[in-house]
Amino acid sequence: MVSPTPTIQCWPEPVPYIFNGVAMQMLQQRDKIIFLYPNDHQVRYVRMNVPHRVPVTPSWYGDSVGHYEGDTLVIDTIGVKLGPFAMVDFYGTPYTQALHVVERYRLLDYEAAKEGLERDARENLRPATGADAGSAPDYSYRGKHLQLQFTVEDEGVFTMPWSATITYRRGAEAWREVVCAENMRELALAGRAAAVPIANQADF
């Protein structure tokens, strides 16, 4: 049986868990960057060239602020809200209020991106058709690729920071709508009530 995850339970997917989605769109404006993720219409905002709010009000995607260092977009996130499915990965690794994630995005020429693409092909199971949730990648594309290197710190869980890299390919098709079908009953557990998120009042 699959363990409960934010994805399966129709909950918001916090950083860095949300990076498991194989697709994303980035919309840049003067004072903010908006990230769109295919799973359940998730939207994440990054305020540019400003400090973190004081105090930080915890939210599902945290308080994200960004700036450029040369051609690299750097995003710093703190204040990720805790919930019943608070995890940083599919394995259920928890996080605490001390979670701190730094993302570094940069465009790479195909030759520079090949190492990351080849490692992904070796280490991650992908359908033979190339059809992934959100958008099938264009495996023949040889132009610029977007690489994300992110570092996770959480002294409440990890003994040291750790990092990972994702290399995004260009999509081969129109952006698909991927909707989480909320269901108050868990089919796998013979009708037991599912933990669908319900708010008694707004967060803000």
C-alpha atoms as a PDB file:
ATOM      1  CA  MET A   1       0.000   0.000   0.000  1.00  0.00           C
ATOM      2  CA  VAL A   2       1.233   3.515  -0.806  1.00  0.00           C
ATOM      3  CA  SER A   3       1.883   5.685   2.234  1.00  0.00           C
ATOM      4  CA  PRO A   4      -0.182   8.874   2.488  1.00  0.00           C
ATOM      5  CA  THR A   5       1.541  11.830   0.803  1.00  0.00           C
ATOM      6  CA  PRO A   6       0.410  15.393   0.089  1.00  0.00           C
ATOM      7  CA  THR A   7      -0.155  14.368  -3.544  1.00  0.00           C
ATOM      8  CA  ILE A   8      -2.351  11.375  -2.754  1.00  0.00           C
ATOM      9  CA  GLN A   9      -4.292  13.266  -0.073  1.00  0.00           C
ATOM     10  CA  CYS A  10      -4.931  16.383  -2.252  1.00  0.00           C
ATOM     11  CA  TRP A  11      -2.957  18.620   0.115  1.00  0.00           C
ATOM     12  CA  PRO A  12      -0.638  21.459  -0.906  1.00  0.00           C
ATOM     13  CA  GLU A  13       2.880  20.225  -1.700  1.00  0.00           C
ATOM     14  CA  PRO A  14       5.499  22.229   0.214  1.00  0.00           C
ATOM     15  CA  VAL A  15       9.027  23.082  -0.897  1.00  0.00           C
ATOM     16  CA  PRO A  16      11.041  20.921  -1.615  1.00  0.00           C
ATOM     17  CA  TYR A  17       8.431  18.145  -1.981  1.00  0.00           C
ATOM     18  CA  ILE A  18       6.746  20.062  -4.822  1.00  0.00           C
ATOM     19  CA  PHE A  19       9.861  19.617  -6.980  1.00  0.00           C
ATOM     20  CA  ASN A  20       8.795  15.985  -7.506  1.00  0.00           C
ATOM     21  CA  GLY A  21       6.388  17.250 -10.159  1.00  0.00           C
ATOM     22  CA  VAL A  22       8.202  16.805 -13.441  1.00  0.00           C
ATOM     23  CA  ALA A  23       6.851  20.032 -14.909  1.00  0.00           C
ATOM     24  CA  MET A  24       6.571  23.663 -13.912  1.00  0.00           C
ATOM     25  CA  GLN A  25       6.113  27.058 -15.499  1.00  0.00           C
ATOM     26  CA  MET A  26       7.864  30.194 -14.305  1.00  0.00           C
ATOM     27  CA  LEU A  27       6.281  33.607 -14.948  1.00  0.00           C
ATOM     28  CA  GLN A  28       8.558  36.548 -14.204  1.00  0.00           C
ATOM     29  CA  GLN A  29       7.281  40.021 -13.371  1.00  0.00           C
ATOM     30  CA  ARG A  30       9.145  43.086 -12.136  1.00  0.00           C
ATOM     31  CA  ASP A  31       8.534  42.479  -8.429  1.00  0.00           C
ATOM     32  CA  LYS A  32       7.723  38.762  -8.271  1.00  0.00           C
ATOM     33  CA  ILE A  33       8.035  35.389  -9.911  1.00  0.00           C
ATOM     34  CA  ILE A  34       5.067  33.039 -10.091  1.00  0.00           C
ATOM     35  CA  PHE A  35       5.587  29.280 -10.286  1.00  0.00           C
ATOM     36  CA  LEU A  36       2.816  27.096 -11.715  1.00  0.00           C
ATOM     37  CA  TYR A  37       2.869  23.377 -10.978  1.00  0.00           C
ATOM     38  CA  PRO A  38       0.616  20.866 -12.762  1.00  0.00           C
ATOM     39  CA  ASN A  39      -0.608  18.930  -9.740  1.00  0.00           C
ATOM     40  CA  ASP A  40      -3.897  20.354  -8.513  1.00  0.00           C
ATOM     41  CA  HIS A  41      -3.349  23.903  -9.871  1.00  0.00           C
ATOM     42  CA  GLN A  42      -0.667  24.789  -7.342  1.00  0.00           C
ATOM     43  CA  VAL A  43       0.671  28.340  -7.507  1.00  0.00           C
ATOM     44  CA  ARG A  44       3.709  29.635  -5.647  1.00  0.00           C
ATOM     45  CA  TYR A  45       4.819  33.284  -5.351  1.00  0.00           C
ATOM     46  CA  VAL A  46       8.375  34.544  -4.909  1.00  0.00           C
ATOM     47  CA  ARG A  47       8.830  38.204  -3.949  1.00  0.00           C
ATOM     48  CA  MET A  48      11.900  39.723  -5.587  1.00  0.00           C
ATOM     49  CA  ASN A  49      14.614  41.872  -4.007  1.00  0.00           C
ATOM     50  CA  VAL A  50      12.991  42.150  -0.593  1.00  0.00           C
ATOM     51  CA  PRO A  51      13.801  40.569   2.797  1.00  0.00           C
ATOM     52  CA  HIS A  52      11.722  37.909   4.503  1.00  0.00           C
ATOM     53  CA  ARG A  53       8.674  39.158   6.354  1.00  0.00           C
ATOM     54  CA  VAL A  54       9.100  39.706  10.094  1.00  0.00           C
ATOM     55  CA  PRO A  55       7.474  37.852  11.667  1.00  0.00           C
ATOM     56  CA  VAL A  56       6.936  35.133   9.087  1.00  0.00           C
ATOM     57  CA  THR A  57       3.429  33.692   9.037  1.00  0.00           C
ATOM     58  CA  PRO A  58       3.821  30.002   8.125  1.00  0.00           C
ATOM     59  CA  SER A  59       2.145  29.036   4.839  1.00  0.00           C
ATOM     60  CA  TRP A  60       2.060  25.904   2.670  1.00  0.00           C
ATOM     61  CA  TYR A  61       4.743  27.167   0.282  1.00  0.00           C
ATOM     62  CA  GLY A  62       6.615  29.251   2.840  1.00  0.00           C
ATOM     63  CA  ASP A  63       7.891  32.809   2.576  1.00  0.00           C
ATOM     64  CA  SER A  64      10.006  32.849  -0.602  1.00  0.00           C
ATOM     65  CA  VAL A  65      12.198  35.785  -1.588  1.00  0.00           C
ATOM     66  CA  GLY A  66      14.468  35.929  -4.604  1.00  0.00           C
ATOM     67  CA  HIS A  67      17.279  37.859  -6.253  1.00  0.00           C
ATOM     68  CA  TYR A  68      19.707  37.408  -9.113  1.00  0.00           C
ATOM     69  CA  GLU A  69      23.387  36.652  -8.717  1.00  0.00           C
ATOM     70  CA  GLY A  70      24.638  37.261 -12.246  1.00  0.00           C
ATOM     71  CA  ASP A  71      22.631  34.893 -14.455  1.00  0.00           C
ATOM     72  CA  THR A  72      21.483  32.718 -11.536  1.00  0.00           C
ATOM     73  CA  LEU A  73      18.111  33.160  -9.862  1.00  0.00           C
ATOM     74  CA  VAL A  74      18.465  32.503  -6.120  1.00  0.00           C
ATOM     75  CA  ILE A  75      15.325  31.832  -4.040  1.00  0.00           C
ATOM     76  CA  ASP A  76      15.369  31.562  -0.246  1.00  0.00           C
ATOM     77  CA  THR A  77      12.388  29.938   1.503  1.00  0.00           C
ATOM     78  CA  ILE A  78      11.545  29.724   5.209  1.00  0.00           C
ATOM     79  CA  GLY A  79       8.281  29.515   7.160  1.00  0.00           C
ATOM     80  CA  VAL A  80       6.838  26.383   5.544  1.00  0.00           C
ATOM     81  CA  LYS A  81       3.683  25.370   7.373  1.00  0.00           C
ATOM     82  CA  LEU A  82       3.506  22.047   9.212  1.00  0.00           C
ATOM     83  CA  GLY A  83       0.607  19.712   8.514  1.00  0.00           C
ATOM     84  CA  PRO A  84      -0.368  16.060   8.852  1.00  0.00           C
ATOM     85  CA  PHE A  85       1.529  15.188   5.647  1.00  0.00           C
ATOM     86  CA  ALA A  86       4.570  17.415   6.270  1.00  0.00           C
ATOM     87  CA  MET A  87       7.343  15.726   4.285  1.00  0.00           C
ATOM     88  CA  VAL A  88      10.197  16.715   2.014  1.00  0.00           C
ATOM     89  CA  ASP A  89      10.037  13.632  -0.230  1.00  0.00           C
ATOM     90  CA  PHE A  90       7.995  10.579  -1.286  1.00  0.00           C
ATOM     91  CA  TYR A  91       9.561   8.555   1.530  1.00  0.00           C
ATOM     92  CA  GLY A  92       7.826  10.577   4.216  1.00  0.00           C
ATOM     93  CA  THR A  93      10.966  12.309   5.521  1.00  0.00           C
ATOM     94  CA  PRO A  94       9.559  14.950   7.884  1.00  0.00           C
ATOM     95  CA  TYR A  95      10.502  18.589   8.291  1.00  0.00           C
ATOM     96  CA  THR A  96      10.198  21.033  11.175  1.00  0.00           C
ATOM     97  CA  GLN A  97       9.660  24.771  11.522  1.00  0.00           C
ATOM     98  CA  ALA A  98      13.424  25.136  11.017  1.00  0.00           C
ATOM     99  CA  LEU A  99      13.170  24.060   7.349  1.00  0.00           C
ATOM    100  CA  HIS A 100      15.214  26.343   5.082  1.00  0.00           C
ATOM    101  CA  VAL A 101      15.454  25.767   1.320  1.00  0.00           C
ATOM    102  CA  VAL A 102      17.674  27.669  -1.129  1.00  0.00           C
ATOM    103  CA  GLU A 103      17.046  27.229  -4.866  1.00  0.00           C
ATOM    104  CA  ARG A 104      19.455  28.269  -7.614  1.00  0.00           C
ATOM    105  CA  TYR A 105      18.101  28.327 -11.197  1.00  0.00           C
ATOM    106  CA  ARG A 106      20.248  28.871 -14.293  1.00  0.00           C
ATOM    107  CA  LEU A 107      19.970  28.274 -18.025  1.00  0.00           C
ATOM    108  CA  LEU A 108      22.445  25.806 -19.511  1.00  0.00           C
ATOM    109  CA  ASP A 109      23.398  24.971 -23.064  1.00  0.00           C
ATOM    110  CA  TYR A 110      22.491  21.416 -24.021  1.00  0.00           C
ATOM    111  CA  GLU A 111      26.081  20.177 -23.775  1.00  0.00           C
ATOM    112  CA  ALA A 112      26.363  21.494 -20.210  1.00  0.00           C
ATOM    113  CA  ALA A 113      22.967  20.008 -19.301  1.00  0.00           C
ATOM    114  CA  LYS A 114      23.698  16.525 -20.705  1.00  0.00           C
ATOM    115  CA  GLU A 115      25.291  15.172 -17.520  1.00  0.00           C
ATOM    116  CA  GLY A 116      22.180  15.959 -15.496  1.00  0.00           C
ATOM    117  CA  LEU A 117      19.851  14.609 -18.183  1.00  0.00           C
ATOM    118  CA  GLU A 118      21.812  11.375 -18.484  1.00  0.00           C
ATOM    119  CA  ARG A 119      21.903  10.904 -14.709  1.00  0.00           C
ATOM    120  CA  ASP A 120      18.122  11.414 -14.607  1.00  0.00           C
ATOM    121  CA  ALA A 121      17.647   8.765 -17.307  1.00  0.00           C
ATOM    122  CA  ARG A 122      19.780   6.280 -15.317  1.00  0.00           C
ATOM    123  CA  GLU A 123      18.368   6.924 -11.853  1.00  0.00           C
ATOM    124  CA  ASN A 124      14.687   7.773 -12.332  1.00  0.00           C
ATOM    125  CA  LEU A 125      11.980   5.595 -13.789  1.00  0.00           C
ATOM    126  CA  ARG A 126      10.259   7.325 -16.698  1.00  0.00           C
ATOM    127  CA  PRO A 127       7.530   5.941 -18.978  1.00  0.00           C
ATOM    128  CA  ALA A 128       8.853   4.716 -22.326  1.00  0.00           C
ATOM    129  CA  THR A 129       6.555   7.140 -24.125  1.00  0.00           C
ATOM    130  CA  GLY A 130       8.015  10.101 -22.262  1.00  0.00           C
ATOM    131  CA  ALA A 131       4.554  11.021 -20.994  1.00  0.00           C
ATOM    132  CA  ASP A 132       4.875  12.571 -17.548  1.00  0.00           C
ATOM    133  CA  ALA A 133       2.298  14.303 -15.357  1.00  0.00           C
ATOM    134  CA  GLY A 134       1.795  17.868 -16.513  1.00  0.00           C
ATOM    135  CA  SER A 135       3.688  17.802 -19.796  1.00  0.00           C
ATOM    136  CA  ALA A 136       5.631  15.254 -21.795  1.00  0.00           C
ATOM    137  CA  PRO A 137       9.237  16.417 -22.309  1.00  0.00           C
ATOM    138  CA  ASP A 138      10.755  17.005 -25.727  1.00  0.00           C
ATOM    139  CA  TYR A 139      13.644  14.528 -25.705  1.00  0.00           C
ATOM    140  CA  SER A 140      14.922  15.769 -29.079  1.00  0.00           C
ATOM    141  CA  TYR A 141      15.340  19.402 -27.969  1.00  0.00           C
ATOM    142  CA  ARG A 142      18.955  20.617 -28.043  1.00  0.00           C
ATOM    143  CA  GLY A 143      18.517  24.231 -26.956  1.00  0.00           C
ATOM    144  CA  LYS A 144      18.725  25.801 -23.492  1.00  0.00           C
ATOM    145  CA  HIS A 145      17.751  23.728 -20.457  1.00  0.00           C
ATOM    146  CA  LEU A 146      16.856  25.049 -17.006  1.00  0.00           C
ATOM    147  CA  GLN A 147      18.768  23.574 -14.106  1.00  0.00           C
ATOM    148  CA  LEU A 148      17.709  23.830 -10.473  1.00  0.00           C
ATOM    149  CA  GLN A 149      20.130  23.098  -7.665  1.00  0.00           C
ATOM    150  CA  PHE A 150      18.489  23.231  -4.259  1.00  0.00           C
ATOM    151  CA  THR A 151      19.880  22.904  -0.755  1.00  0.00           C
ATOM    152  CA  VAL A 152      17.817  21.788   2.247  1.00  0.00           C
ATOM    153  CA  GLU A 153      18.648  22.602   5.858  1.00  0.00           C
ATOM    154  CA  ASP A 154      16.595  21.573   8.881  1.00  0.00           C
ATOM    155  CA  GLU A 155      18.436  21.154  12.151  1.00  0.00           C
ATOM    156  CA  GLY A 156      15.354  19.479  13.620  1.00  0.00           C
ATOM    157  CA  VAL A 157      15.683  16.560  11.154  1.00  0.00           C
ATOM    158  CA  PHE A 158      19.056  16.537   9.379  1.00  0.00           C
ATOM    159  CA  THR A 159      22.576  16.555  10.820  1.00  0.00           C
ATOM    160  CA  MET A 160      23.871  18.576   7.865  1.00  0.00           C
ATOM    161  CA  PRO A 161      22.539  20.372   4.772  1.00  0.00           C
ATOM    162  CA  TRP A 162      21.970  18.302   1.630  1.00  0.00           C
ATOM    163  CA  SER A 163      21.585  19.259  -2.025  1.00  0.00           C
ATOM    164  CA  ALA A 164      20.041  17.868  -5.192  1.00  0.00           C
ATOM    165  CA  THR A 165      19.811  18.914  -8.839  1.00  0.00           C
ATOM    166  CA  ILE A 166      16.917  18.878 -11.321  1.00  0.00           C
ATOM    167  CA  THR A 167      17.433  19.595 -15.024  1.00  0.00           C
ATOM    168  CA  TYR A 168      14.214  20.674 -16.751  1.00  0.00           C
ATOM    169  CA  ARG A 169      13.618  19.900 -20.426  1.00  0.00           C
ATOM    170  CA  ARG A 170      11.325  21.877 -22.686  1.00  0.00           C
ATOM    171  CA  GLY A 171       7.793  20.465 -22.891  1.00  0.00           C
ATOM    172  CA  ALA A 172       6.625  18.737 -26.050  1.00  0.00           C
ATOM    173  CA  GLU A 173       2.929  19.442 -25.683  1.00  0.00           C
ATOM    174  CA  ALA A 174       0.388  21.884 -24.303  1.00  0.00           C
ATOM    175  CA  TRP A 175       0.220  22.242 -20.520  1.00  0.00           C
ATOM    176  CA  ARG A 176      -2.111  19.591 -19.157  1.00  0.00           C
ATOM    177  CA  GLU A 177      -4.556  20.049 -16.313  1.00  0.00           C
ATOM    178  CA  VAL A 178      -3.907  17.541 -13.528  1.00  0.00           C
ATOM    179  CA  VAL A 179      -6.677  17.670 -10.943  1.00  0.00           C
ATOM    180  CA  CYS A 180      -6.580  15.865  -7.628  1.00  0.00           C
ATOM    181  CA  ALA A 181      -9.943  14.178  -7.177  1.00  0.00           C
ATOM    182  CA  GLU A 182     -10.854  14.847  -3.570  1.00  0.00           C
ATOM    183  CA  ASN A 183     -12.722  11.980  -2.026  1.00  0.00           C
ATOM    184  CA  MET A 184     -13.813  11.829   1.576  1.00  0.00           C
ATOM    185  CA  ARG A 185     -13.414   8.023   1.524  1.00  0.00           C
ATOM    186  CA  GLU A 186     -10.205   6.059   1.065  1.00  0.00           C
ATOM    187  CA  LEU A 187     -10.859   3.189  -1.335  1.00  0.00           C
ATOM    188  CA  ALA A 188      -7.779   1.301  -0.173  1.00  0.00           C
ATOM    189  CA  LEU A 189      -9.012   1.228   3.408  1.00  0.00           C
ATOM    190  CA  ALA A 190     -12.618   0.127   2.908  1.00  0.00           C
ATOM    191  CA  GLY A 191     -14.337   3.459   3.250  1.00  0.00           C
ATOM    192  CA  ARG A 192     -12.363   5.032   6.079  1.00  0.00           C
ATOM    193  CA  ALA A 193     -12.644   8.836   6.119  1.00  0.00           C
ATOM    194  CA  ALA A 194      -9.751  10.520   4.308  1.00  0.00           C
ATOM    195  CA  ALA A 195      -7.881  13.494   5.772  1.00  0.00           C
ATOM    196  CA  VAL A 196      -9.028  16.071   3.229  1.00  0.00           C
ATOM    197  CA  PRO A 197      -7.834  19.564   4.297  1.00  0.00           C
ATOM    198  CA  ILE A 198     -10.576  21.699   5.809  1.00  0.00           C
ATOM    199  CA  ALA A 199      -9.951  25.193   7.185  1.00  0.00           C
ATOM    200  CA  ASN A 200     -12.115  26.676   9.891  1.00  0.00           C
ATOM    201  CA  GLN A 201     -10.779  30.134   9.025  1.00  0.00           C
ATOM    202  CA  ALA A 202      -8.459  31.684   6.466  1.00  0.00           C
ATOM    203  CA  ASP A 203      -4.708  31.673   7.179  1.00  0.00           C
ATOM    204  CA  PHE A 204      -4.416  35.409   6.545  1.00  0.00           C
END
